[in-house]
Protein backbone atom coordinates (compact mmCIF):
# COMPACT_ATOMS: atom_id res chain seq x y z
CA MET A 1 0.00 0.00 0.00
CA GLU A 2 1.54 3.33 -1.03
CA PRO A 3 0.88 5.22 2.24
CA ASP A 4 2.76 2.55 4.16
CA HIS A 5 5.69 2.89 1.73
CA ASP A 6 5.82 6.63 2.33
CA LEU A 7 5.80 6.15 6.07
CA CYS A 8 8.61 3.63 5.80
CA GLN A 9 10.68 6.14 3.81
CA ILE A 10 10.44 8.44 6.79
CA ALA A 11 11.58 5.62 9.05
CA ASP A 12 14.56 4.97 6.77
CA ALA A 13 15.59 8.61 6.96
CA GLU A 14 15.21 8.80 10.71
CA SER A 15 18.94 8.53 11.45
CA PRO A 16 21.64 8.13 8.77
CA ASP A 17 24.04 6.78 11.40
CA ARG A 18 21.96 3.71 12.09
CA SER A 19 23.05 0.47 10.55
CA LEU A 20 21.18 -0.75 7.49
CA ASP A 21 20.05 -3.85 9.35
CA ASP A 22 18.63 -1.79 12.20
CA ARG A 23 16.69 0.45 9.83
CA ARG A 24 15.33 -2.55 7.98
CA ARG A 25 14.29 -4.10 11.27
CA ARG A 26 12.46 -0.93 12.29
CA ASN A 27 10.72 -0.75 8.92
CA ARG A 28 9.64 -4.39 9.09
CA GLN A 29 8.36 -3.88 12.61
CA PHE A 30 6.43 -0.75 11.61
CA VAL A 31 4.79 -2.45 8.63
CA SER A 32 4.10 -5.58 10.70
CA ASN A 33 2.42 -3.45 13.38
CA LEU A 34 0.34 -1.64 10.77
CA ILE A 35 -0.80 -4.88 9.14
CA SER A 36 -1.61 -6.40 12.53
CA LEU A 37 -3.63 -3.36 13.54
CA TYR A 38 -5.61 -3.39 10.29
CA ALA A 39 -6.33 -7.06 10.94
CA LEU A 40 -7.51 -6.10 14.41
CA GLN A 41 -9.67 -3.30 13.06
CA GLY A 42 -11.13 -5.71 10.55
CA LEU A 43 -12.38 -7.79 13.44
CA ASN A 44 -13.10 -4.86 15.76
CA TYR A 45 -15.28 -3.03 13.25
CA ALA A 46 -16.20 -5.46 10.49
CA VAL A 47 -17.54 -7.99 13.01
CA PRO A 48 -19.63 -5.42 14.96
CA LEU A 49 -20.84 -3.95 11.67
CA ALA A 50 -22.00 -7.41 10.67
CA VAL A 51 -23.69 -7.87 14.04
CA LEU A 52 -25.23 -4.38 14.23
CA PRO A 53 -27.92 -4.86 11.52
CA TYR A 54 -28.84 -8.20 13.05
CA LEU A 55 -29.19 -6.75 16.54
CA VAL A 56 -31.32 -3.83 15.34
CA ARG A 57 -33.66 -6.19 13.49
CA ALA A 58 -33.77 -8.87 16.22
CA LEU A 59 -34.18 -6.53 19.20
CA GLY A 60 -36.08 -3.71 17.52
CA ILE A 61 -35.01 -0.07 17.53
CA GLU A 62 -36.36 0.69 21.03
CA ARG A 63 -34.73 -2.28 22.83
CA TYR A 64 -31.54 -1.72 20.88
CA GLY A 65 -31.73 1.91 22.01
CA LEU A 66 -31.89 0.78 25.66
CA LEU A 67 -28.85 -1.44 25.12
CA ALA A 68 -26.94 1.42 23.47
CA PHE A 69 -28.01 3.80 26.26
CA ALA A 70 -26.58 1.45 28.92
CA GLN A 71 -23.35 1.04 26.96
CA SER A 72 -22.98 4.79 26.50
CA PHE A 73 -23.34 5.28 30.26
CA ALA A 74 -20.72 2.60 30.93
CA GLN A 75 -18.36 4.43 28.57
CA TYR A 76 -18.05 7.23 31.12
CA PHE A 77 -16.52 4.74 33.53
CA SER A 78 -14.23 3.38 30.82
CA LEU A 79 -13.12 6.97 30.30
CA LEU A 80 -12.46 7.32 34.04
CA THR A 81 -10.38 4.13 34.22
CA ASP A 82 -8.44 4.95 31.04
CA TYR A 83 -7.39 8.30 32.58
CA GLY A 84 -5.46 9.18 29.43
CA PHE A 85 -3.13 6.21 29.95
CA ASN A 86 -3.65 4.97 26.39
CA PHE A 87 -1.47 7.93 25.41
CA SER A 88 0.57 8.90 28.48
CA ALA A 89 1.51 5.33 29.49
CA THR A 90 2.09 4.37 25.85
CA ARG A 91 4.46 7.32 25.50
CA SER A 92 6.29 6.49 28.75
CA ILE A 93 6.76 2.84 27.82
CA ALA A 94 7.86 3.76 24.29
CA LEU A 95 10.61 5.95 25.76
CA GLN A 96 11.71 3.34 28.35
CA ARG A 97 11.06 0.10 26.50
CA ASP A 98 14.72 -0.97 26.57
CA ASP A 99 14.73 -0.80 30.39
CA LYS A 100 12.73 -3.79 31.64
CA GLU A 101 12.72 -2.64 35.25
CA ALA A 102 11.41 0.80 34.32
CA VAL A 103 8.72 -0.75 32.10
CA SER A 104 7.63 -3.01 34.96
CA ARG A 105 7.37 -0.03 37.31
CA ILE A 106 5.29 1.91 34.79
CA PHE A 107 3.05 -1.08 34.14
CA CYS A 108 2.33 -1.81 37.80
CA SER A 109 1.76 1.85 38.68
CA VAL A 110 -0.71 2.35 35.84
CA PHE A 111 -2.51 -0.94 36.44
CA CYS A 112 -2.98 -0.23 40.17
CA ILE A 113 -4.40 3.21 39.39
CA LYS A 114 -6.82 1.70 36.87
CA LEU A 115 -8.00 -0.90 39.42
CA LEU A 116 -8.60 1.82 42.00
CA LEU A 117 -10.56 3.93 39.52
CA MET A 118 -12.58 0.86 38.51
CA CYS A 119 -13.65 0.31 42.15
CA ILE A 120 -14.60 3.97 42.52
CA GLY A 121 -16.62 3.73 39.31
CA ALA A 122 -18.49 0.68 40.59
CA LEU A 123 -19.51 2.58 43.73
CA VAL A 124 -20.69 5.57 41.69
CA LEU A 125 -22.69 3.32 39.35
CA SER A 126 -24.38 1.60 42.30
CA ALA A 127 -25.36 4.96 43.80
CA VAL A 128 -26.81 6.18 40.48
CA VAL A 129 -28.79 2.98 39.88
CA ILE A 130 -30.22 3.01 43.40
CA SER A 131 -31.17 6.70 43.46
CA ILE A 132 -32.52 7.40 39.94
CA PRO A 133 -35.79 5.60 38.99
CA ARG A 134 -35.06 5.30 35.25
CA PHE A 135 -31.74 3.61 35.97
CA HIS A 136 -33.22 1.50 38.76
CA GLN A 137 -35.88 0.09 36.44
CA ASN A 138 -33.18 -1.24 34.10
CA ALA A 139 -30.49 -1.91 36.72
CA ALA A 140 -29.44 -5.22 35.17
CA PHE A 141 -28.55 -3.50 31.88
CA PHE A 142 -26.28 -0.95 33.55
CA PHE A 143 -24.46 -3.47 35.74
CA MET A 144 -24.03 -5.81 32.78
CA ALA A 145 -22.62 -2.97 30.69
CA TYR A 146 -20.11 -2.27 33.49
CA LEU A 147 -18.49 -5.65 32.85
CA ALA A 148 -17.08 -4.11 29.66
CA VAL A 149 -15.31 -1.53 31.85
CA ILE A 150 -13.67 -4.36 33.78
CA GLY A 151 -12.55 -5.93 30.50
CA ASN A 152 -11.00 -2.64 29.36
CA VAL A 153 -9.14 -2.28 32.64
CA LEU A 154 -7.72 -5.79 32.40
CA PHE A 155 -6.56 -5.45 28.79
CA PRO A 156 -3.30 -3.42 28.75
CA VAL A 157 -3.54 -2.03 25.22
CA TRP A 158 -1.26 0.84 26.28
CA TYR A 159 1.53 -1.65 27.07
CA PHE A 160 1.32 -3.41 23.70
CA GLN A 161 1.32 -0.06 21.90
CA GLY A 162 4.30 1.18 23.91
CA VAL A 163 6.46 -1.85 23.06
CA GLU A 164 5.03 -1.91 19.50
CA LYS A 165 3.75 -5.48 19.72
CA MET A 166 0.36 -4.96 18.12
CA LYS A 167 0.09 -8.54 16.84
CA HIS A 168 -0.98 -9.60 20.32
CA ILE A 169 -3.76 -7.01 20.38
CA SER A 170 -4.99 -8.34 17.04
CA ALA A 171 -5.00 -11.96 18.12
CA LEU A 172 -6.51 -11.55 21.59
CA VAL A 173 -9.15 -8.89 21.04
CA GLY A 174 -10.02 -10.17 17.58
CA CYS A 175 -10.67 -13.71 18.78
CA ALA A 176 -12.77 -12.48 21.72
CA ARG A 177 -14.93 -10.34 19.44
CA LEU A 178 -15.34 -13.10 16.90
CA VAL A 179 -16.48 -15.60 19.53
CA GLY A 180 -18.85 -12.98 20.93
CA ALA A 181 -20.33 -12.32 17.49
CA ILE A 182 -20.94 -16.02 16.91
CA ALA A 183 -22.68 -16.23 20.30
CA LEU A 184 -24.92 -13.27 19.42
CA PHE A 185 -26.10 -14.91 16.21
CA ALA A 186 -26.64 -18.20 18.04
CA PHE A 187 -28.54 -17.02 21.12
CA VAL A 188 -30.11 -13.59 20.43
CA HIS A 189 -33.31 -13.76 18.37
CA ARG A 190 -36.01 -11.49 19.89
CA PRO A 191 -36.47 -8.24 21.86
CA GLN A 192 -36.50 -10.12 25.16
CA ASP A 193 -32.88 -11.16 24.48
CA ALA A 194 -31.53 -7.61 24.78
CA LEU A 195 -29.93 -8.23 28.19
CA LEU A 196 -28.38 -11.46 26.92
CA ALA A 197 -26.92 -9.58 23.93
CA LEU A 198 -25.37 -7.03 26.27
CA ALA A 199 -23.96 -9.80 28.49
CA ILE A 200 -22.33 -11.55 25.54
CA GLN A 201 -20.67 -8.35 24.31
CA SER A 202 -19.39 -7.42 27.78
CA LEU A 203 -18.12 -10.89 28.69
CA ALA A 204 -16.20 -11.09 25.40
CA LEU A 205 -14.25 -8.00 26.49
CA VAL A 206 -13.58 -9.51 29.92
CA ALA A 207 -12.24 -12.70 28.32
CA GLY A 208 -9.98 -10.67 26.04
CA GLY A 209 -8.76 -8.63 29.01
CA VAL A 210 -7.83 -11.68 31.06
CA ALA A 211 -5.95 -13.17 28.10
CA GLY A 212 -4.11 -9.90 27.45
CA LEU A 213 -2.99 -9.60 31.05
CA TRP A 214 -1.75 -13.20 31.03
CA VAL A 215 0.33 -12.55 27.88
CA VAL A 216 1.98 -9.46 29.39
CA VAL A 217 3.02 -11.30 32.54
CA HIS A 218 3.99 -14.67 31.07
CA ARG A 219 5.02 -13.88 27.50
CA PHE A 220 6.76 -10.53 28.02
CA HIS A 221 7.88 -11.29 31.58
CA VAL A 222 6.74 -8.01 33.09
CA SER A 223 7.51 -8.19 36.80
CA LEU A 224 4.61 -7.55 39.17
CA LEU A 225 6.06 -5.07 41.65
CA ARG A 226 4.56 -3.07 44.45
CA PRO A 227 4.51 0.41 42.90
CA ALA A 228 6.23 3.22 44.74
CA ALA A 229 4.17 6.24 45.75
CA SER A 230 6.42 8.44 43.59
CA ASP A 231 5.72 6.27 40.51
CA ILE A 232 1.97 6.48 41.12
CA ARG A 233 2.12 10.26 41.50
CA LEU A 234 4.15 10.53 38.30
CA ALA A 235 1.64 8.38 36.38
CA PHE A 236 -1.25 10.48 37.67
CA ARG A 237 0.50 13.70 36.70
CA ASP A 238 1.49 12.48 33.23
CA GLY A 239 -2.06 11.40 32.45
CA LEU A 240 -3.89 14.44 33.81
CA HIS A 241 -4.06 16.66 30.72
CA LEU A 242 -4.68 13.68 28.46
CA PHE A 243 -7.49 12.58 30.78
CA ILE A 244 -9.01 16.05 30.45
CA SER A 245 -8.64 15.73 26.68
CA THR A 246 -10.36 12.34 26.52
CA ALA A 247 -13.05 13.51 28.94
CA ALA A 248 -13.67 16.51 26.70
CA ILE A 249 -13.84 14.20 23.66
CA SER A 250 -16.57 12.20 25.37
CA LEU A 251 -18.67 15.37 25.63
CA TYR A 252 -19.17 15.33 21.86
CA THR A 253 -18.92 11.57 21.19
CA ASN A 254 -20.25 9.23 23.86
CA THR A 255 -22.49 11.89 25.41
CA ASN A 256 -24.64 12.11 22.28
CA VAL A 257 -26.36 8.75 22.70
CA PHE A 258 -26.78 9.45 26.41
CA LEU A 259 -28.31 12.91 25.79
CA VAL A 260 -30.62 11.64 23.05
CA GLY A 261 -31.77 8.85 25.35
CA ILE A 262 -32.42 11.27 28.21
CA LEU A 263 -34.08 14.03 26.16
CA SER A 264 -35.83 12.09 23.38
CA GLY A 265 -36.16 8.49 24.60
CA ASN A 266 -34.79 5.07 23.66
CA LEU A 267 -36.26 5.09 20.15
CA GLU A 268 -34.38 8.24 19.07
CA ALA A 269 -31.29 6.94 20.88
CA GLY A 270 -31.54 3.80 18.76
CA TYR A 271 -31.68 5.81 15.54
CA PHE A 272 -28.69 7.93 16.48
CA SER A 273 -26.62 5.08 17.88
CA ALA A 274 -27.09 2.92 14.79
CA ALA A 275 -26.11 5.72 12.40
CA GLU A 276 -23.19 6.91 14.52
CA LYS A 277 -21.75 3.43 14.90
CA LEU A 278 -21.71 3.03 11.12
CA VAL A 279 -19.87 6.31 10.59
CA ARG A 280 -17.44 5.99 13.49
CA ALA A 281 -16.70 2.42 12.47
CA ALA A 282 -15.73 3.70 9.04
CA ALA A 283 -13.59 6.48 10.56
CA GLN A 284 -11.93 4.47 13.30
CA GLY A 285 -11.51 1.40 11.13
CA MET A 286 -9.34 3.46 8.78
CA LEU A 287 -7.62 5.71 11.32
CA THR A 288 -7.01 3.69 14.47
CA PRO A 289 -4.41 1.29 13.01
CA ILE A 290 -2.32 4.19 11.72
CA THR A 291 -2.81 6.05 15.00
CA GLN A 292 -1.67 3.13 17.13
CA ALA A 293 1.26 2.32 14.87
CA VAL A 294 2.48 5.87 14.28
CA PHE A 295 1.96 7.34 17.76
CA PRO A 296 4.64 5.36 19.67
CA TYR A 297 7.01 5.71 16.71
CA MET A 298 6.34 9.45 16.53
CA SER A 299 6.92 9.82 20.29
CA HIS A 300 10.28 8.10 19.85
CA LEU A 301 11.16 10.09 16.71
CA VAL A 302 10.44 13.56 18.16
CA ALA A 303 13.24 13.11 20.68
CA GLN A 304 15.70 12.48 17.82
CA SER A 305 14.56 14.78 15.01
CA ARG A 306 11.67 17.24 15.20
CA GLU A 307 11.96 17.91 11.48
CA MET A 308 11.62 14.23 10.56
CA ALA A 309 8.70 13.90 12.96
CA LEU A 310 6.91 16.80 11.24
CA ARG A 311 7.55 15.26 7.83
CA LEU A 312 6.05 12.00 9.02
CA ALA A 313 3.01 13.87 10.37
CA ALA A 314 2.61 15.74 7.06
CA ARG A 315 2.67 12.56 4.98
CA THR A 316 0.27 10.85 7.36
CA LEU A 317 -2.12 13.80 7.15
CA ARG A 318 -2.04 13.81 3.35
CA TRP A 319 -2.98 10.16 2.96
CA MET A 320 -5.45 9.93 5.83
CA SER A 321 -7.36 13.02 4.73
CA LEU A 322 -7.62 11.85 1.11
CA ILE A 323 -8.84 8.36 1.99
CA SER A 324 -11.29 9.59 4.62
CA LEU A 325 -12.73 12.25 2.29
CA VAL A 326 -13.65 9.55 -0.22
CA ALA A 327 -15.33 7.56 2.57
CA SER A 328 -17.31 10.63 3.70
CA ILE A 329 -18.56 11.35 0.18
CA LEU A 330 -19.70 7.76 -0.27
CA ILE A 331 -21.53 7.71 3.06
CA PHE A 332 -23.38 10.94 2.25
CA GLY A 333 -24.28 9.89 -1.29
CA PHE A 334 -25.51 6.43 -0.36
CA ALA A 335 -27.06 7.18 3.06
CA GLY A 336 -30.49 5.92 2.04
CA PRO A 337 -29.41 2.53 0.67
CA ILE A 338 -26.95 2.04 3.57
CA VAL A 339 -29.64 2.51 6.21
CA GLY A 340 -32.15 0.42 4.28
CA ILE A 341 -29.77 -2.50 3.81
CA CYS A 342 -28.34 -2.43 7.32
CA PHE A 343 -31.40 -1.71 9.43
CA GLY A 344 -34.48 -2.14 7.28
CA ARG A 345 -37.38 0.21 6.59
CA ALA A 346 -38.12 0.61 10.29
CA ALA A 347 -34.92 2.62 10.69
CA GLY A 348 -35.63 5.01 7.82
CA ALA A 349 -35.46 8.00 10.18
CA GLY A 350 -31.76 7.28 10.55
CA VAL A 351 -31.02 8.52 7.00
CA ALA A 352 -31.11 12.17 8.08
CA VAL A 353 -28.78 11.42 11.00
CA LEU A 354 -26.35 9.57 8.74
CA ARG A 355 -26.16 12.47 6.30
CA TRP A 356 -25.52 14.99 9.07
CA ILE A 357 -22.52 13.01 10.33
CA ALA A 358 -21.23 11.70 6.98
CA LEU A 359 -18.34 14.18 7.00
CA LEU A 360 -17.01 12.87 10.34
CA PRO A 361 -14.43 10.45 8.88
CA PHE A 362 -12.75 13.35 7.07
CA LEU A 363 -12.87 15.74 10.03
CA ILE A 364 -11.76 13.08 12.51
CA ALA A 365 -8.83 12.14 10.27
CA ILE A 366 -7.57 15.72 10.25
CA SER A 367 -7.96 16.27 14.00
CA ASN A 368 -6.45 12.85 14.71
CA VAL A 369 -3.20 13.65 12.91
CA LEU A 370 -2.99 17.22 14.18
CA GLY A 371 -3.86 16.30 17.76
CA ILE A 372 -2.81 12.76 18.65
CA GLN A 373 0.00 12.36 16.12
CA THR A 374 1.47 15.86 16.43
CA LEU A 375 0.43 17.89 19.48
CA ILE A 376 0.87 15.05 22.01
CA PRO A 377 4.29 13.79 20.80
CA PHE A 378 5.53 17.39 20.70
CA GLY A 379 4.53 17.85 24.35
CA LEU A 380 1.55 20.14 23.76
CA ASP A 381 -0.82 18.08 25.91
CA LYS A 382 -2.10 21.12 27.79
CA GLN A 383 -2.92 23.03 24.61
CA LEU A 384 -4.74 20.01 23.20
CA SER A 385 -6.79 19.58 26.37
CA ARG A 386 -7.84 23.24 26.23
CA VAL A 387 -9.03 22.89 22.64
CA LEU A 388 -10.99 19.73 23.36
CA LEU A 389 -12.47 21.02 26.61
CA ALA A 390 -13.69 24.20 24.92
CA ALA A 391 -15.14 22.12 22.08
CA GLY A 392 -16.88 19.78 24.52
CA LEU A 393 -18.54 22.66 26.36
CA PHE A 394 -19.52 24.25 23.05
CA HIS A 395 -21.07 20.95 21.98
CA LEU A 396 -23.13 20.61 25.13
CA ALA A 397 -24.47 24.14 24.77
CA LEU A 398 -25.42 23.42 21.15
CA ALA A 399 -26.58 19.82 21.44
CA VAL A 400 -29.09 20.14 24.27
CA PRO A 401 -31.46 22.54 22.47
CA LEU A 402 -30.99 20.85 19.08
CA ILE A 403 -31.76 17.40 20.51
CA HIS A 404 -34.71 18.80 22.45
CA PHE A 405 -36.32 20.23 19.30
CA PHE A 406 -35.11 17.86 16.57
CA GLY A 407 -34.17 14.60 18.30
CA ALA A 408 -31.46 12.41 16.73
CA PRO A 409 -30.87 14.66 13.66
CA GLY A 410 -30.22 17.56 16.04
CA ALA A 411 -27.48 15.53 17.70
CA GLY A 412 -25.97 14.84 14.29
CA ALA A 413 -25.91 18.54 13.39
CA SER A 414 -24.24 19.48 16.67
CA VAL A 415 -21.54 16.79 16.21
CA LEU A 416 -20.74 18.11 12.72
CA CYS A 417 -20.32 21.68 14.02
CA THR A 418 -18.14 20.57 16.93
CA GLU A 419 -15.79 18.37 14.88
CA SER A 420 -15.34 21.22 12.38
CA LEU A 421 -14.47 23.62 15.20
CA ILE A 422 -11.89 21.18 16.60
CA ALA A 423 -10.08 20.74 13.29
CA VAL A 424 -9.85 24.50 12.72
CA SER A 425 -8.69 25.14 16.30
CA MET A 426 -5.88 22.58 16.05
CA VAL A 427 -4.57 24.28 12.91
CA PHE A 428 -4.30 27.56 14.83
CA VAL A 429 -2.51 25.87 17.76
CA LEU A 430 0.06 24.25 15.48
CA GLU A 431 0.76 27.50 13.65
CA ARG A 432 1.06 29.39 16.92
CA HIS A 433 3.76 26.98 18.10
CA HIS A 434 5.59 27.09 14.76
CA LEU A 435 4.76 23.50 13.79
CA HIS A 436 4.10 24.24 10.14
CA ILE A 437 2.86 20.83 9.11
CA PHE A 438 0.84 22.12 6.14
CA HIS A 439 3.92 23.66 4.53
CA LEU A 440 5.44 20.18 4.31
CA ILE A 441 2.49 18.46 2.66
CA GLU A 442 3.02 19.90 -0.84
CA ARG A 443 6.78 19.50 -1.02
CA PRO A 444 6.87 15.71 -1.56
CA ALA A 445 4.15 15.99 -4.24
CA ARG A 446 6.13 18.59 -6.27
CA LYS A 447 9.30 16.59 -5.92
CA GLN A 448 7.63 13.44 -7.20
CA LEU A 449 5.98 15.35 -10.04
CA PHE A 450 9.23 16.64 -11.55
CA SER A 451 11.54 13.73 -10.64
């Protein structure tokens, strides 16, 4: 694939003093990680996309909306337990990966913090379910959805990314999702099976988490140490701004299904959730493998050559934006047939939602490269968190009235406005800090044209 070749050229130019064998090894590892992550995304998004139409038809839009509402609420606790570690801990391990003792200290510190946050989340969930009637009436759904939080805590994706061993993520998570999908087709057939469907999805993540933890301890020989208080404080401090960033992101991603469910009911939540999952699956299926493969490499590269890191970011932005723009155009143009084929005539109201958010793959691709691949590796975590927090608050102020008056399409319109604002804001932040990534995009194209 040509984008991968371009990225490998950057890797080759990273340091002229490196031996040829070492550069070839790094290139092979990079390409291997990218292939493994696309295999993972194939299972992570192709399998759920295959299951999604079946669930909507088998459960009905309203029961599917209840399931999605419970999952969206559980995502807040996943956000709490992640605490930005998918970036901060990945970055720390990428920088220390040749020091096994340091990696073990980072791993144990982060894992203990995540376990503590998981226990706090369980207490908060119990209090909410007991005190709020709507949650109390469907208590089993919310507790079952919380099992997915436990699975996310157990699976150390941040460790595998930091040491650039993505094959293990592909194998473990992919197998768990595949088994879960088979179970859904086998046992879920009617609206009364909604709780069972949620249990299967959550337990698949728990199984994957247990397997991932076992691999880290027994395959990679990470020592289980009692973390020092100083290591725990350092991990908390490193993850703070990234936690704020991810929390802000949830205000205009996960919060939408939750707000639609609260303001417009389970039926509208079902329409929005089904359409959003299609679009975000398309966006994340294309972008996440490159994000997870490039981010640890970029974090390592910035310390050696800021210029080469910017060139890598520029090439990544060029290819990701072009590919995602094509996907956005196709989604908008074929919104009607897509909804009809995937969800049937009963979900026809989802066409308007799908068209409102069709541009998300393109916008998310731009903000992904500018934010995750550039601002974070260059140490601009605080600036990124400010942009995302402002965007999250803007989204809430816009989404609440739009959802109140227009339901699910109103949520789609507010998401489009917010994602556009984020992309523009990140451009200004980069220019302000003299990271002129856009000036580098055209140079390779002109060189290739006249060579």
